[in-house]
Amino acid sequence: MAKKVVATLRTSSGKNFAKVIRMVRSEKTGAYAFKENIVPSDSVKEFLAKK
């Protein structure tokens, strides 16, 4: 599946997007999990700033 996402980001219309991986802590167990999102390049900083 990762190959499909990378291929999608490399198209001419996909150059304005970035794949963002955020580490999130579970409230129940306290373990960390990773969440992946594809966001526009302009809003990467504000996406990472919010909790």
C-alpha atoms as a PDB file:
ATOM      1  CA  MET A   1       0.000   0.000   0.000  1.00  0.00           C
ATOM      2  CA  ALA A   2       2.879   2.367   0.642  1.00  0.00           C
ATOM      3  CA  LYS A   3       3.949   2.083  -2.979  1.00  0.00           C
ATOM      4  CA  LYS A   4       0.526   3.255  -4.110  1.00  0.00           C
ATOM      5  CA  VAL A   5       0.657   6.340  -1.868  1.00  0.00           C
ATOM      6  CA  VAL A   6       4.135   7.268  -3.070  1.00  0.00           C
ATOM      7  CA  ALA A   7       3.084   6.812  -6.680  1.00  0.00           C
ATOM      8  CA  THR A   8       0.060   9.029  -6.080  1.00  0.00           C
ATOM      9  CA  LEU A   9       2.197  11.773  -4.563  1.00  0.00           C
ATOM     10  CA  ARG A  10       4.549  11.781  -7.549  1.00  0.00           C
ATOM     11  CA  THR A  11       1.927  12.626 -10.155  1.00  0.00           C
ATOM     12  CA  SER A  12       1.813  16.165 -11.486  1.00  0.00           C
ATOM     13  CA  SER A  13      -1.340  16.974  -9.513  1.00  0.00           C
ATOM     14  CA  GLY A  14      -0.015  15.316  -6.349  1.00  0.00           C
ATOM     15  CA  LYS A  15       3.026  17.527  -5.855  1.00  0.00           C
ATOM     16  CA  ASN A  16       1.082  19.806  -3.520  1.00  0.00           C
ATOM     17  CA  PHE A  17       0.566  17.113  -0.878  1.00  0.00           C
ATOM     18  CA  ALA A  18       2.753  15.661   1.861  1.00  0.00           C
ATOM     19  CA  LYS A  19       2.512  12.467   3.883  1.00  0.00           C
ATOM     20  CA  VAL A  20       2.598  13.272   7.601  1.00  0.00           C
ATOM     21  CA  ILE A  21       3.223  10.694  10.322  1.00  0.00           C
ATOM     22  CA  ARG A  22       2.278  11.664  13.864  1.00  0.00           C
ATOM     23  CA  MET A  23       2.949   9.749  17.071  1.00  0.00           C
ATOM     24  CA  VAL A  24      -0.138   9.635  19.323  1.00  0.00           C
ATOM     25  CA  ARG A  25      -0.305   8.334  22.867  1.00  0.00           C
ATOM     26  CA  SER A  26      -3.280   6.175  23.857  1.00  0.00           C
ATOM     27  CA  GLU A  27      -5.210   7.418  26.883  1.00  0.00           C
ATOM     28  CA  LYS A  28      -6.181   3.899  28.015  1.00  0.00           C
ATOM     29  CA  THR A  29      -2.886   2.017  27.821  1.00  0.00           C
ATOM     30  CA  GLY A  30      -0.303   4.787  27.520  1.00  0.00           C
ATOM     31  CA  ALA A  31       1.230   3.086  24.485  1.00  0.00           C
ATOM     32  CA  TYR A  32       2.242   5.069  21.427  1.00  0.00           C
ATOM     33  CA  ALA A  33       0.711   4.574  17.994  1.00  0.00           C
ATOM     34  CA  PHE A  34       1.482   6.145  14.642  1.00  0.00           C
ATOM     35  CA  LYS A  35      -1.147   7.878  12.523  1.00  0.00           C
ATOM     36  CA  GLU A  36      -0.468   8.667   8.877  1.00  0.00           C
ATOM     37  CA  ASN A  37      -2.284  11.400   6.952  1.00  0.00           C
ATOM     38  CA  ILE A  38      -1.868  13.053   3.583  1.00  0.00           C
ATOM     39  CA  VAL A  39      -2.315  16.811   3.870  1.00  0.00           C
ATOM     40  CA  PRO A  40      -1.693  19.770   1.551  1.00  0.00           C
ATOM     41  CA  SER A  41       1.876  21.086   1.755  1.00  0.00           C
ATOM     42  CA  ASP A  42       0.645  24.506   2.847  1.00  0.00           C
ATOM     43  CA  SER A  43      -1.017  23.201   6.005  1.00  0.00           C
ATOM     44  CA  VAL A  44       1.659  20.775   7.280  1.00  0.00           C
ATOM     45  CA  LYS A  45       2.909  23.049  10.078  1.00  0.00           C
ATOM     46  CA  GLU A  46      -0.560  23.844  11.404  1.00  0.00           C
ATOM     47  CA  PHE A  47      -1.516  20.146  11.197  1.00  0.00           C
ATOM     48  CA  LEU A  48       1.456  19.178  13.359  1.00  0.00           C
ATOM     49  CA  ALA A  49       0.874  22.085  15.771  1.00  0.00           C
ATOM     50  CA  LYS A  50      -2.637  20.997  16.770  1.00  0.00           C
ATOM     51  CA  LYS A  51      -3.158  18.139  19.185  1.00  0.00           C
END
